[in-house]
Amino acid sequence: MRFIILSEEEKNHLEYLHKASLNSVVRKRCLSLLYSNQERSIKEVSELVNVSRRSLERLLMHGHQ
């Protein structure tokens, strides 16, 4: 299983965006990346942020490239 590994600076920026953004899509993406950094499974993250597993896989793979 792959996880996103974030630096402290990246985590802080994502946490800020999650709190400050008015865009719900941006907030979900930030939260998804933060959960992945906590080594949560794709299934678990998709349930927590209420998106399909496939959508989450695309998000994480696109960000990984």
Protein backbone atom coordinates (compact mmCIF):
# COMPACT_ATOMS: atom_id res chain seq x y z
CA MET A 1 0.00 0.00 0.00
CA ARG A 2 1.26 3.49 -0.86
CA PHE A 3 0.87 6.57 1.26
CA ILE A 4 1.62 10.20 0.66
CA ILE A 5 4.58 11.35 2.72
CA LEU A 6 4.46 15.05 3.52
CA SER A 7 7.05 17.37 4.95
CA GLU A 8 6.11 19.46 7.98
CA GLU A 9 5.81 22.52 5.73
CA GLU A 10 3.47 20.67 3.35
CA LYS A 11 1.32 19.46 6.24
CA ASN A 12 1.05 22.97 7.64
CA HIS A 13 0.09 24.38 4.24
CA LEU A 14 -2.57 21.70 3.68
CA GLU A 15 -3.99 22.25 7.17
CA TYR A 16 -4.18 25.98 6.47
CA LEU A 17 -5.89 25.43 3.10
CA HIS A 18 -8.33 22.97 4.66
CA LYS A 19 -9.38 25.58 7.22
CA ALA A 20 -9.25 28.69 5.02
CA SER A 21 -10.51 27.58 1.61
CA LEU A 22 -14.06 28.37 0.61
CA ASN A 23 -13.91 25.64 -2.04
CA SER A 24 -15.22 22.31 -0.73
CA VAL A 25 -13.26 20.34 -3.36
CA VAL A 26 -9.99 21.91 -2.20
CA ARG A 27 -10.86 21.13 1.43
CA LYS A 28 -11.60 17.47 0.59
CA ARG A 29 -8.35 17.12 -1.36
CA CYS A 30 -6.35 18.62 1.50
CA LEU A 31 -8.01 16.35 4.02
CA SER A 32 -7.44 13.31 1.81
CA LEU A 33 -3.73 14.05 1.53
CA LEU A 34 -3.44 14.63 5.28
CA TYR A 35 -5.20 11.33 6.02
CA SER A 36 -2.97 9.49 3.56
CA ASN A 37 0.04 10.95 5.32
CA GLN A 38 -1.30 9.29 8.49
CA GLU A 39 -1.00 5.94 6.65
CA ARG A 40 -4.74 5.38 6.39
CA SER A 41 -5.96 3.06 3.65
CA ILE A 42 -7.61 4.38 0.49
CA LYS A 43 -10.86 2.75 1.56
CA GLU A 44 -10.74 4.40 4.96
CA VAL A 45 -9.87 7.83 3.53
CA SER A 46 -12.60 7.59 0.89
CA GLU A 47 -15.16 6.86 3.62
CA LEU A 48 -13.88 9.69 5.84
CA VAL A 49 -14.04 12.35 3.11
CA ASN A 50 -17.11 10.88 1.40
CA VAL A 51 -15.66 10.38 -2.09
CA SER A 52 -15.48 7.26 -4.21
CA ARG A 53 -12.44 5.06 -3.94
CA ARG A 54 -11.72 5.58 -7.65
CA SER A 55 -11.82 9.37 -7.32
CA LEU A 56 -9.42 9.19 -4.40
CA GLU A 57 -7.07 6.87 -6.29
CA ARG A 58 -6.96 9.35 -9.19
CA LEU A 59 -6.25 12.22 -6.82
CA LEU A 60 -3.43 10.40 -5.06
CA MET A 61 -1.86 9.04 -8.24
CA HIS A 62 -2.06 12.40 -10.02
CA GLY A 63 -0.40 14.10 -7.07
CA HIS A 64 2.27 11.40 -6.97
CA GLN A 65 3.42 11.91 -10.59
